[in-house]
């Protein structure tokens, strides 16, 4: 993945930045769909472990997938044994596919913009296969360029919904665009919640 060296090199500072915000702050727009106690959750591109740690604290069984070794180390330091960590990445999620596990909730936060349109379509097929019937797939969309060497690709909620419907996923929530929680200018976020079958 083209952005892995950046995340590897800056893992500690990025983890510190991400962890200045709470799960509740970052993910307020889809509160109605937050995972509940006893649910099995997958956090894809789990980064610093902030979100995985919060979901585990709610009583969820959490698996965190993170392909960058140093970011994974930062996440494991935060979550301890409360979260299971795995070296895996979109679009294939090959390690997870081999395990044949399914999840009530899959969170893909601040990842989608790093995938090309073709990779997103492939990823959605794999993610849909990992959901239990009626499970929720939550994807956050970041609009705005990075001020460093990270590579991103144009995205939109329209593209996501069209691609999702192609693999049998139905939109349950399409949030309005939200200002960046870190107060960065020219950056905003949108969250889409999808589920298997009809809403």
N, C-alpha and C. Protein backbone atom coordinates (compact mmCIF):
# COMPACT_ATOMS: atom_id res chain seq x y z
N UNK A 1 0.84 -1.20 0.00
CA UNK A 1 0.00 0.00 0.00
C UNK A 1 0.88 1.25 0.00
N UNK A 2 0.59 2.22 -0.85
CA UNK A 2 1.50 3.36 -1.02
C UNK A 2 1.66 4.24 0.21
N UNK A 3 0.69 4.21 1.11
CA UNK A 3 0.76 5.09 2.28
C UNK A 3 1.39 4.43 3.50
N UNK A 4 1.67 3.14 3.42
CA UNK A 4 2.20 2.44 4.58
C UNK A 4 3.50 3.05 5.13
N UNK A 5 4.47 3.43 4.28
CA UNK A 5 5.71 4.01 4.84
C UNK A 5 5.45 5.27 5.67
N UNK A 6 4.50 6.10 5.22
CA UNK A 6 4.19 7.31 5.99
C UNK A 6 3.65 6.94 7.37
N UNK A 7 2.72 6.02 7.42
CA UNK A 7 2.12 5.63 8.71
C UNK A 7 3.13 4.92 9.60
N UNK A 8 4.01 4.15 8.97
CA UNK A 8 5.05 3.47 9.74
C UNK A 8 5.99 4.49 10.39
N UNK A 9 6.40 5.48 9.61
CA UNK A 9 7.38 6.47 10.08
C UNK A 9 6.78 7.41 11.14
N UNK A 10 5.49 7.68 11.03
CA UNK A 10 4.86 8.68 11.90
C UNK A 10 3.87 8.08 12.89
N UNK A 11 3.98 6.80 13.14
CA UNK A 11 2.99 6.09 13.94
C UNK A 11 2.78 6.71 15.33
N UNK A 12 3.87 7.02 16.01
CA UNK A 12 3.73 7.52 17.38
C UNK A 12 3.03 8.87 17.43
N UNK A 13 3.44 9.79 16.56
CA UNK A 13 2.83 11.11 16.56
C UNK A 13 1.38 11.06 16.08
N UNK A 14 1.10 10.20 15.11
CA UNK A 14 -0.28 10.06 14.64
C UNK A 14 -1.17 9.46 15.71
N UNK A 15 -0.67 8.46 16.42
CA UNK A 15 -1.46 7.85 17.50
C UNK A 15 -1.77 8.88 18.57
N UNK A 16 -0.79 9.70 18.92
CA UNK A 16 -1.01 10.75 19.91
C UNK A 16 -2.09 11.72 19.43
N UNK A 17 -2.03 12.09 18.15
CA UNK A 17 -3.03 13.00 17.59
C UNK A 17 -4.41 12.37 17.60
N UNK A 18 -4.52 11.13 17.11
CA UNK A 18 -5.83 10.48 17.05
C UNK A 18 -6.44 10.33 18.44
N UNK A 19 -5.61 10.04 19.43
CA UNK A 19 -6.12 9.76 20.77
C UNK A 19 -6.47 11.00 21.57
N UNK A 20 -6.25 12.20 20.98
CA UNK A 20 -6.73 13.41 21.65
C UNK A 20 -8.25 13.53 21.52
N UNK A 21 -8.83 12.77 20.61
CA UNK A 21 -10.27 12.77 20.41
C UNK A 21 -10.87 11.48 20.96
N UNK A 22 -12.11 11.54 21.37
CA UNK A 22 -12.80 10.34 21.87
C UNK A 22 -13.61 9.70 20.75
N UNK A 23 -13.94 8.45 20.95
CA UNK A 23 -14.83 7.75 20.02
C UNK A 23 -16.15 8.53 19.88
N UNK A 24 -16.67 8.98 21.00
CA UNK A 24 -17.96 9.69 20.99
C UNK A 24 -17.90 10.97 20.17
N UNK A 25 -16.78 11.68 20.23
CA UNK A 25 -16.62 12.90 19.43
C UNK A 25 -16.58 12.59 17.94
N UNK A 26 -15.78 11.62 17.58
CA UNK A 26 -15.51 11.33 16.18
C UNK A 26 -16.72 10.67 15.50
N UNK A 27 -17.44 9.85 16.24
CA UNK A 27 -18.46 9.01 15.62
C UNK A 27 -19.89 9.35 16.05
N UNK A 28 -20.11 10.57 16.49
CA UNK A 28 -21.44 10.97 16.95
C UNK A 28 -22.51 10.85 15.87
N UNK A 29 -22.13 11.02 14.60
CA UNK A 29 -23.12 11.08 13.53
C UNK A 29 -23.86 9.76 13.32
N UNK A 30 -23.29 8.64 13.79
CA UNK A 30 -23.97 7.35 13.61
C UNK A 30 -24.27 6.67 14.96
N UNK A 31 -24.52 7.48 15.97
CA UNK A 31 -24.71 6.97 17.33
C UNK A 31 -25.81 5.90 17.40
N UNK A 32 -26.85 6.06 16.63
CA UNK A 32 -27.97 5.11 16.66
C UNK A 32 -27.52 3.70 16.28
N UNK A 33 -26.40 3.59 15.57
CA UNK A 33 -25.93 2.29 15.09
C UNK A 33 -24.68 1.80 15.82
N UNK A 34 -24.26 2.50 16.87
CA UNK A 34 -23.07 2.08 17.62
C UNK A 34 -23.20 0.62 18.07
N UNK A 35 -22.09 -0.12 18.10
CA UNK A 35 -22.14 -1.51 18.57
C UNK A 35 -22.53 -1.59 20.04
N UNK A 36 -23.22 -2.66 20.36
CA UNK A 36 -23.72 -2.85 21.71
C UNK A 36 -23.04 -4.04 22.37
N UNK A 37 -23.18 -4.11 23.68
CA UNK A 37 -22.56 -5.17 24.46
C UNK A 37 -22.89 -6.55 23.88
N UNK A 38 -21.85 -7.36 23.74
CA UNK A 38 -22.03 -8.72 23.24
C UNK A 38 -21.88 -8.87 21.74
N UNK A 39 -21.89 -7.74 21.01
CA UNK A 39 -21.75 -7.84 19.57
C UNK A 39 -20.28 -8.07 19.19
N UNK A 40 -20.09 -8.73 18.04
CA UNK A 40 -18.75 -9.02 17.54
C UNK A 40 -18.42 -7.96 16.49
N UNK A 41 -17.30 -7.26 16.69
CA UNK A 41 -16.99 -6.07 15.91
C UNK A 41 -15.62 -6.23 15.23
N UNK A 42 -15.54 -5.74 14.00
CA UNK A 42 -14.27 -5.66 13.28
C UNK A 42 -13.96 -4.19 13.01
N UNK A 43 -12.77 -3.76 13.41
CA UNK A 43 -12.29 -2.41 13.15
C UNK A 43 -11.20 -2.52 12.09
N UNK A 44 -11.49 -2.04 10.87
CA UNK A 44 -10.56 -2.19 9.74
C UNK A 44 -9.73 -0.92 9.60
N UNK A 45 -8.40 -1.08 9.57
CA UNK A 45 -7.53 0.09 9.59
C UNK A 45 -7.58 0.74 10.95
N UNK A 46 -7.40 -0.08 11.98
CA UNK A 46 -7.69 0.32 13.36
C UNK A 46 -6.72 1.34 13.93
N UNK A 47 -5.58 1.55 13.27
CA UNK A 47 -4.69 2.64 13.65
C UNK A 47 -4.25 2.63 15.09
N UNK A 48 -4.54 3.71 15.81
CA UNK A 48 -4.07 3.88 17.19
C UNK A 48 -4.82 3.01 18.18
N UNK A 49 -5.91 2.38 17.74
CA UNK A 49 -6.69 1.53 18.64
C UNK A 49 -7.74 2.26 19.45
N UNK A 50 -7.87 3.57 19.24
CA UNK A 50 -8.84 4.36 20.01
C UNK A 50 -10.25 3.80 19.91
N UNK A 51 -10.70 3.55 18.69
CA UNK A 51 -12.07 3.09 18.50
C UNK A 51 -12.25 1.65 18.98
N UNK A 52 -11.29 0.80 18.67
CA UNK A 52 -11.36 -0.59 19.11
C UNK A 52 -11.40 -0.68 20.64
N UNK A 53 -10.60 0.14 21.29
CA UNK A 53 -10.55 0.15 22.76
C UNK A 53 -11.90 0.56 23.34
N UNK A 54 -12.52 1.58 22.77
CA UNK A 54 -13.82 2.04 23.26
C UNK A 54 -14.88 0.95 23.07
N UNK A 55 -14.89 0.32 21.91
CA UNK A 55 -15.90 -0.71 21.65
C UNK A 55 -15.72 -1.91 22.56
N UNK A 56 -14.47 -2.27 22.84
CA UNK A 56 -14.22 -3.36 23.78
C UNK A 56 -14.70 -2.99 25.18
N UNK A 57 -14.53 -1.73 25.55
CA UNK A 57 -14.97 -1.27 26.87
C UNK A 57 -16.49 -1.30 27.01
N UNK A 58 -17.21 -1.29 25.90
CA UNK A 58 -18.67 -1.40 25.94
C UNK A 58 -19.14 -2.85 26.07
N UNK A 59 -18.19 -3.77 26.06
CA UNK A 59 -18.54 -5.18 26.18
C UNK A 59 -18.62 -5.92 24.87
N UNK A 60 -18.08 -5.32 23.81
CA UNK A 60 -18.05 -5.98 22.50
C UNK A 60 -16.82 -6.89 22.40
N UNK A 61 -16.93 -7.89 21.56
CA UNK A 61 -15.78 -8.72 21.18
C UNK A 61 -15.18 -8.06 19.95
N UNK A 62 -13.94 -7.58 20.05
CA UNK A 62 -13.38 -6.72 19.01
C UNK A 62 -12.13 -7.33 18.39
N UNK A 63 -12.11 -7.37 17.06
CA UNK A 63 -10.92 -7.72 16.30
C UNK A 63 -10.50 -6.48 15.52
N UNK A 64 -9.24 -6.11 15.65
CA UNK A 64 -8.71 -4.92 14.98
C UNK A 64 -7.74 -5.34 13.89
N UNK A 65 -8.00 -4.92 12.66
CA UNK A 65 -7.11 -5.22 11.53
C UNK A 65 -6.32 -3.97 11.18
N UNK A 66 -5.00 -4.09 11.18
CA UNK A 66 -4.13 -2.95 10.89
C UNK A 66 -2.87 -3.46 10.20
N UNK A 67 -2.60 -3.02 8.94
CA UNK A 67 -1.47 -3.57 8.19
C UNK A 67 -0.12 -2.96 8.51
N UNK A 68 -0.09 -1.79 9.15
CA UNK A 68 1.19 -1.12 9.42
C UNK A 68 1.70 -1.55 10.80
N UNK A 69 2.86 -2.20 10.82
CA UNK A 69 3.35 -2.82 12.05
C UNK A 69 3.48 -1.83 13.20
N UNK A 70 4.03 -0.64 12.94
CA UNK A 70 4.24 0.30 14.02
C UNK A 70 2.92 0.89 14.53
N UNK A 71 1.96 1.11 13.64
CA UNK A 71 0.64 1.55 14.08
C UNK A 71 -0.02 0.45 14.92
N UNK A 72 0.14 -0.78 14.47
CA UNK A 72 -0.43 -1.91 15.21
C UNK A 72 0.18 -1.99 16.61
N UNK A 73 1.46 -1.73 16.72
CA UNK A 73 2.12 -1.74 18.03
C UNK A 73 1.55 -0.64 18.93
N UNK A 74 1.30 0.55 18.35
CA UNK A 74 0.70 1.63 19.13
C UNK A 74 -0.70 1.23 19.60
N UNK A 75 -1.45 0.61 18.72
CA UNK A 75 -2.80 0.18 19.09
C UNK A 75 -2.80 -0.89 20.16
N UNK A 76 -1.90 -1.84 20.04
CA UNK A 76 -1.82 -2.91 21.03
C UNK A 76 -1.40 -2.36 22.39
N UNK A 77 -0.57 -1.33 22.38
CA UNK A 77 -0.15 -0.71 23.63
C UNK A 77 -1.35 -0.09 24.35
N UNK A 78 -2.26 0.50 23.59
CA UNK A 78 -3.45 1.13 24.18
C UNK A 78 -4.47 0.10 24.65
N UNK A 79 -4.75 -0.89 23.81
CA UNK A 79 -5.86 -1.81 24.11
C UNK A 79 -5.48 -2.96 25.02
N UNK A 80 -4.19 -3.29 25.08
CA UNK A 80 -3.81 -4.46 25.85
C UNK A 80 -4.50 -5.70 25.30
N UNK A 81 -4.92 -6.58 26.21
CA UNK A 81 -5.54 -7.84 25.79
C UNK A 81 -7.03 -7.71 25.52
N UNK A 82 -7.57 -6.51 25.61
CA UNK A 82 -9.02 -6.36 25.43
C UNK A 82 -9.43 -6.47 23.97
N UNK A 83 -8.46 -6.37 23.06
CA UNK A 83 -8.72 -6.42 21.62
C UNK A 83 -7.74 -7.39 20.97
N UNK A 84 -8.23 -8.18 20.02
CA UNK A 84 -7.36 -9.06 19.23
C UNK A 84 -6.91 -8.30 17.99
N UNK A 85 -5.61 -8.26 17.74
CA UNK A 85 -5.06 -7.53 16.60
C UNK A 85 -4.60 -8.50 15.51
N UNK A 86 -4.75 -8.05 14.26
CA UNK A 86 -4.43 -8.88 13.11
C UNK A 86 -3.78 -8.01 12.04
N UNK A 87 -2.75 -8.55 11.38
CA UNK A 87 -2.09 -7.88 10.26
C UNK A 87 -2.87 -8.19 8.99
N UNK A 88 -3.74 -7.26 8.59
CA UNK A 88 -4.56 -7.47 7.41
C UNK A 88 -4.99 -6.12 6.86
N UNK A 89 -5.37 -6.10 5.58
CA UNK A 89 -5.67 -4.82 4.94
C UNK A 89 -6.69 -4.98 3.83
N UNK A 90 -7.40 -3.90 3.57
CA UNK A 90 -8.26 -3.80 2.39
C UNK A 90 -7.37 -3.63 1.15
N UNK A 91 -7.82 -4.02 -0.02
CA UNK A 91 -9.19 -4.46 -0.28
C UNK A 91 -9.47 -5.94 -0.05
N UNK A 92 -8.43 -6.80 0.04
CA UNK A 92 -8.69 -8.24 0.06
C UNK A 92 -9.09 -8.78 1.44
N UNK A 93 -8.47 -8.25 2.51
CA UNK A 93 -8.68 -8.81 3.86
C UNK A 93 -8.49 -10.33 3.83
N UNK A 94 -7.37 -10.75 3.27
CA UNK A 94 -7.14 -12.18 3.02
C UNK A 94 -7.05 -12.99 4.31
N UNK A 95 -6.43 -12.42 5.35
CA UNK A 95 -6.32 -13.14 6.62
C UNK A 95 -7.69 -13.40 7.24
N UNK A 96 -8.54 -12.39 7.19
CA UNK A 96 -9.89 -12.55 7.74
C UNK A 96 -10.72 -13.53 6.93
N UNK A 97 -10.56 -13.49 5.62
CA UNK A 97 -11.32 -14.40 4.76
C UNK A 97 -11.00 -15.85 5.12
N UNK A 98 -9.75 -16.13 5.43
CA UNK A 98 -9.34 -17.49 5.79
C UNK A 98 -9.96 -17.95 7.09
N UNK A 99 -10.21 -17.01 8.00
CA UNK A 99 -10.77 -17.36 9.31
C UNK A 99 -12.26 -17.66 9.26
N UNK A 100 -12.92 -17.18 8.23
CA UNK A 100 -14.35 -17.43 8.03
C UNK A 100 -15.18 -16.94 9.23
N UNK A 101 -14.77 -15.84 9.83
CA UNK A 101 -15.55 -15.24 10.91
C UNK A 101 -16.49 -14.19 10.32
N UNK A 102 -17.59 -13.96 11.02
CA UNK A 102 -18.51 -12.91 10.61
C UNK A 102 -18.76 -11.97 11.78
N UNK A 103 -19.22 -10.76 11.46
CA UNK A 103 -19.28 -9.70 12.44
C UNK A 103 -20.63 -8.99 12.42
N UNK A 104 -21.05 -8.54 13.60
CA UNK A 104 -22.28 -7.75 13.72
C UNK A 104 -22.07 -6.33 13.20
N UNK A 105 -20.89 -5.79 13.47
CA UNK A 105 -20.55 -4.43 13.05
C UNK A 105 -19.14 -4.43 12.49
N UNK A 106 -18.96 -3.78 11.33
CA UNK A 106 -17.63 -3.55 10.77
C UNK A 106 -17.46 -2.05 10.62
N UNK A 107 -16.39 -1.52 11.22
CA UNK A 107 -16.08 -0.10 11.13
C UNK A 107 -14.87 0.11 10.23
N UNK A 108 -15.04 0.94 9.21
CA UNK A 108 -13.94 1.31 8.31
C UNK A 108 -13.82 2.83 8.39
N UNK A 109 -12.99 3.29 9.32
CA UNK A 109 -12.90 4.72 9.62
C UNK A 109 -11.61 5.31 9.07
N UNK A 110 -11.74 6.37 8.28
CA UNK A 110 -10.58 7.11 7.75
C UNK A 110 -9.66 6.21 6.92
N UNK A 111 -10.27 5.36 6.10
CA UNK A 111 -9.51 4.44 5.26
C UNK A 111 -9.92 4.57 3.78
N UNK A 112 -11.20 4.80 3.54
CA UNK A 112 -11.78 4.68 2.21
C UNK A 112 -11.09 5.56 1.17
N UNK A 113 -10.63 6.73 1.58
CA UNK A 113 -10.02 7.68 0.63
C UNK A 113 -8.66 7.20 0.14
N UNK A 114 -8.07 6.19 0.81
CA UNK A 114 -6.78 5.65 0.38
C UNK A 114 -6.93 4.56 -0.68
N UNK A 115 -8.16 4.18 -1.02
CA UNK A 115 -8.41 3.13 -2.00
C UNK A 115 -8.89 3.73 -3.32
N UNK A 116 -8.48 3.13 -4.42
CA UNK A 116 -9.00 3.54 -5.72
C UNK A 116 -10.45 3.07 -5.84
N UNK A 117 -11.16 3.59 -6.82
CA UNK A 117 -12.55 3.19 -7.02
C UNK A 117 -12.66 1.68 -7.24
N UNK A 118 -11.76 1.11 -8.03
CA UNK A 118 -11.78 -0.33 -8.28
C UNK A 118 -11.51 -1.11 -7.00
N UNK A 119 -10.57 -0.62 -6.19
CA UNK A 119 -10.27 -1.29 -4.91
C UNK A 119 -11.46 -1.20 -3.96
N UNK A 120 -12.18 -0.08 -3.99
CA UNK A 120 -13.36 0.06 -3.12
C UNK A 120 -14.42 -0.97 -3.48
N UNK A 121 -14.65 -1.15 -4.78
CA UNK A 121 -15.64 -2.14 -5.21
C UNK A 121 -15.25 -3.53 -4.74
N UNK A 122 -13.98 -3.88 -4.90
CA UNK A 122 -13.48 -5.17 -4.44
C UNK A 122 -13.62 -5.30 -2.93
N UNK A 123 -13.26 -4.25 -2.22
CA UNK A 123 -13.33 -4.25 -0.76
C UNK A 123 -14.76 -4.47 -0.27
N UNK A 124 -15.72 -3.83 -0.91
CA UNK A 124 -17.11 -3.96 -0.48
C UNK A 124 -17.60 -5.40 -0.58
N UNK A 125 -17.17 -6.10 -1.62
CA UNK A 125 -17.55 -7.50 -1.74
C UNK A 125 -17.02 -8.33 -0.59
N UNK A 126 -15.76 -8.10 -0.22
CA UNK A 126 -15.17 -8.84 0.90
C UNK A 126 -15.82 -8.44 2.23
N UNK A 127 -16.08 -7.16 2.41
CA UNK A 127 -16.70 -6.70 3.66
C UNK A 127 -18.12 -7.25 3.81
N UNK A 128 -18.88 -7.26 2.71
CA UNK A 128 -20.24 -7.79 2.76
C UNK A 128 -20.24 -9.26 3.19
N UNK A 129 -19.25 -10.01 2.72
CA UNK A 129 -19.16 -11.43 3.05
C UNK A 129 -18.83 -11.65 4.53
N UNK A 130 -18.27 -10.64 5.18
CA UNK A 130 -17.89 -10.75 6.60
C UNK A 130 -19.01 -10.34 7.55
N UNK A 131 -20.12 -9.84 7.02
CA UNK A 131 -21.23 -9.39 7.86
C UNK A 131 -22.20 -10.53 8.14
N UNK A 132 -22.71 -10.59 9.37
CA UNK A 132 -23.82 -11.48 9.66
C UNK A 132 -25.07 -10.90 8.99
N UNK A 133 -26.11 -11.70 8.76
CA UNK A 133 -27.36 -11.15 8.22
C UNK A 133 -27.86 -9.99 9.10
N UNK A 134 -28.12 -8.87 8.48
CA UNK A 134 -28.57 -7.71 9.24
C UNK A 134 -27.45 -6.91 9.89
N UNK A 135 -26.20 -7.33 9.70
CA UNK A 135 -25.07 -6.63 10.29
C UNK A 135 -24.87 -5.26 9.66
N UNK A 136 -24.13 -4.39 10.38
CA UNK A 136 -23.91 -3.01 9.92
C UNK A 136 -22.47 -2.81 9.49
N UNK A 137 -22.31 -2.21 8.32
CA UNK A 137 -21.00 -1.79 7.82
C UNK A 137 -20.96 -0.26 7.86
N UNK A 138 -20.00 0.28 8.59
CA UNK A 138 -19.91 1.73 8.80
C UNK A 138 -18.64 2.23 8.13
N UNK A 139 -18.80 3.14 7.18
CA UNK A 139 -17.65 3.67 6.43
C UNK A 139 -17.64 5.19 6.55
N UNK A 140 -16.51 5.74 6.99
CA UNK A 140 -16.39 7.20 7.03
C UNK A 140 -15.65 7.68 5.79
N UNK A 141 -16.13 8.79 5.24
CA UNK A 141 -15.55 9.37 4.04
C UNK A 141 -14.88 10.69 4.39
N UNK A 142 -13.61 10.82 4.04
CA UNK A 142 -12.85 12.05 4.31
C UNK A 142 -12.73 12.85 3.02
N UNK A 143 -13.21 14.09 3.07
CA UNK A 143 -13.10 14.99 1.93
C UNK A 143 -12.04 16.05 2.23
N UNK A 144 -11.12 16.24 1.31
CA UNK A 144 -10.06 17.22 1.50
C UNK A 144 -8.69 16.57 1.37
N UNK A 145 -7.74 17.34 0.85
CA UNK A 145 -6.40 16.82 0.61
C UNK A 145 -5.56 16.78 1.89
N UNK A 146 -4.55 15.93 1.88
CA UNK A 146 -3.55 15.90 2.95
C UNK A 146 -2.46 16.91 2.64
N UNK A 147 -1.85 17.45 3.68
CA UNK A 147 -0.76 18.40 3.52
C UNK A 147 0.60 17.70 3.59
N UNK A 148 0.60 16.39 3.37
CA UNK A 148 1.85 15.62 3.38
C UNK A 148 1.83 14.68 2.18
N UNK A 149 2.67 13.63 2.22
CA UNK A 149 2.83 12.79 1.03
C UNK A 149 1.79 11.69 0.88
N UNK A 150 0.82 11.62 1.78
CA UNK A 150 -0.19 10.57 1.68
C UNK A 150 -1.01 10.69 0.39
N UNK A 151 -1.28 9.56 -0.22
CA UNK A 151 -2.02 9.50 -1.48
C UNK A 151 -3.49 9.23 -1.18
N UNK A 152 -4.39 10.02 -1.80
CA UNK A 152 -5.82 9.78 -1.67
C UNK A 152 -6.47 9.84 -3.05
N UNK A 153 -7.69 9.35 -3.11
CA UNK A 153 -8.44 9.31 -4.36
C UNK A 153 -9.82 9.92 -4.14
N UNK A 154 -10.34 10.56 -5.14
CA UNK A 154 -11.64 11.19 -5.03
C UNK A 154 -12.70 10.16 -4.68
N UNK A 155 -13.62 10.57 -3.83
CA UNK A 155 -14.69 9.66 -3.44
C UNK A 155 -15.98 10.45 -3.30
N UNK A 156 -17.09 9.73 -3.14
CA UNK A 156 -18.39 10.37 -2.92
C UNK A 156 -19.34 9.36 -2.32
N UNK A 157 -20.35 9.87 -1.64
CA UNK A 157 -21.35 8.97 -1.08
C UNK A 157 -22.15 8.31 -2.21
N UNK A 158 -22.36 9.01 -3.33
CA UNK A 158 -23.08 8.41 -4.45
C UNK A 158 -22.36 7.18 -4.99
N UNK A 159 -21.04 7.30 -5.15
CA UNK A 159 -20.27 6.14 -5.62
C UNK A 159 -20.38 4.99 -4.63
N UNK A 160 -20.22 5.30 -3.34
CA UNK A 160 -20.27 4.25 -2.32
C UNK A 160 -21.61 3.54 -2.33
N UNK A 161 -22.71 4.29 -2.39
CA UNK A 161 -24.03 3.67 -2.37
C UNK A 161 -24.23 2.78 -3.59
N UNK A 162 -23.84 3.27 -4.77
CA UNK A 162 -23.99 2.49 -6.00
C UNK A 162 -23.17 1.20 -5.93
N UNK A 163 -21.92 1.31 -5.47
CA UNK A 163 -21.08 0.12 -5.37
C UNK A 163 -21.61 -0.85 -4.33
N UNK A 164 -22.11 -0.31 -3.22
CA UNK A 164 -22.63 -1.16 -2.14
C UNK A 164 -23.86 -1.94 -2.60
N UNK A 165 -24.73 -1.27 -3.32
CA UNK A 165 -25.93 -1.95 -3.79
C UNK A 165 -25.59 -3.09 -4.74
N UNK A 166 -24.45 -2.96 -5.41
CA UNK A 166 -24.00 -4.01 -6.31
C UNK A 166 -23.60 -5.29 -5.61
N UNK A 167 -23.34 -5.22 -4.31
CA UNK A 167 -22.99 -6.41 -3.53
C UNK A 167 -24.05 -6.71 -2.47
N UNK A 168 -25.25 -6.16 -2.66
CA UNK A 168 -26.37 -6.49 -1.79
C UNK A 168 -26.44 -5.72 -0.49
N UNK A 169 -25.76 -4.58 -0.41
CA UNK A 169 -25.79 -3.76 0.80
C UNK A 169 -26.72 -2.56 0.59
N UNK A 170 -27.51 -2.26 1.62
CA UNK A 170 -28.50 -1.19 1.55
C UNK A 170 -28.12 -0.06 2.51
N UNK A 171 -28.23 1.20 2.10
CA UNK A 171 -27.92 2.30 3.02
C UNK A 171 -28.94 2.42 4.14
N UNK A 172 -28.45 2.52 5.36
CA UNK A 172 -29.30 2.76 6.52
C UNK A 172 -29.16 4.19 7.02
N UNK A 173 -28.00 4.79 6.75
CA UNK A 173 -27.74 6.17 7.16
C UNK A 173 -26.75 6.78 6.18
N UNK A 174 -27.04 7.98 5.73
CA UNK A 174 -26.08 8.79 4.99
C UNK A 174 -26.04 10.13 5.71
N UNK A 175 -25.01 10.35 6.50
CA UNK A 175 -24.97 11.55 7.34
C UNK A 175 -24.69 12.79 6.48
N UNK A 176 -25.00 13.93 7.02
CA UNK A 176 -24.56 15.17 6.39
C UNK A 176 -23.05 15.30 6.62
N UNK A 177 -22.43 16.17 5.86
CA UNK A 177 -20.98 16.36 6.04
C UNK A 177 -20.72 17.13 7.34
N UNK A 178 -19.71 16.67 8.07
CA UNK A 178 -19.38 17.23 9.38
C UNK A 178 -18.00 17.90 9.32
N UNK A 179 -17.84 18.97 10.08
CA UNK A 179 -16.53 19.60 10.19
C UNK A 179 -15.53 18.64 10.81
N UNK A 180 -14.27 18.83 10.52
CA UNK A 180 -13.21 17.99 11.04
C UNK A 180 -13.08 18.17 12.55
N UNK A 181 -13.04 17.06 13.29
CA UNK A 181 -12.96 17.12 14.75
C UNK A 181 -11.66 17.73 15.24
N UNK A 182 -10.61 17.65 14.42
CA UNK A 182 -9.32 18.23 14.79
C UNK A 182 -9.20 19.69 14.32
N UNK A 183 -10.31 20.25 13.83
CA UNK A 183 -10.39 21.66 13.43
C UNK A 183 -9.49 22.00 12.25
N UNK A 184 -9.17 21.00 11.42
CA UNK A 184 -8.36 21.26 10.24
C UNK A 184 -9.24 21.91 9.16
N UNK A 185 -8.70 22.93 8.53
CA UNK A 185 -9.44 23.66 7.52
C UNK A 185 -9.56 22.82 6.24
N UNK A 186 -10.64 23.02 5.50
CA UNK A 186 -10.85 22.39 4.20
C UNK A 186 -10.95 20.87 4.27
N UNK A 187 -11.27 20.35 5.45
CA UNK A 187 -11.48 18.91 5.60
C UNK A 187 -12.85 18.70 6.25
N UNK A 188 -13.63 17.79 5.70
CA UNK A 188 -14.88 17.42 6.33
C UNK A 188 -15.11 15.93 6.17
N UNK A 189 -16.08 15.42 6.92
CA UNK A 189 -16.29 13.98 7.00
C UNK A 189 -17.77 13.65 6.79
N UNK A 190 -18.00 12.47 6.30
CA UNK A 190 -19.36 11.97 6.14
C UNK A 190 -19.35 10.48 6.48
N UNK A 191 -20.42 10.00 7.08
CA UNK A 191 -20.50 8.59 7.45
C UNK A 191 -21.67 7.93 6.75
N UNK A 192 -21.43 6.74 6.22
CA UNK A 192 -22.47 5.94 5.59
C UNK A 192 -22.56 4.61 6.33
N UNK A 193 -23.77 4.25 6.73
CA UNK A 193 -24.02 2.95 7.37
C UNK A 193 -24.79 2.09 6.39
N UNK A 194 -24.28 0.90 6.14
CA UNK A 194 -24.89 -0.04 5.21
C UNK A 194 -25.24 -1.34 5.94
N UNK A 195 -26.22 -2.06 5.41
CA UNK A 195 -26.54 -3.36 6.00
C UNK A 195 -26.95 -4.35 4.91
N UNK A 196 -26.93 -5.63 5.27
CA UNK A 196 -27.35 -6.67 4.35
C UNK A 196 -28.85 -6.58 4.14
N UNK A 197 -29.30 -6.75 2.90
CA UNK A 197 -30.73 -6.79 2.62
C UNK A 197 -31.37 -5.44 2.64
N UNK A 198 -32.69 -5.42 2.70
CA UNK A 198 -33.45 -4.19 2.65
C UNK A 198 -33.50 -3.52 4.01
N UNK A 199 -33.53 -2.17 3.98
CA UNK A 199 -33.58 -1.41 5.24
C UNK A 199 -34.92 -1.61 5.92
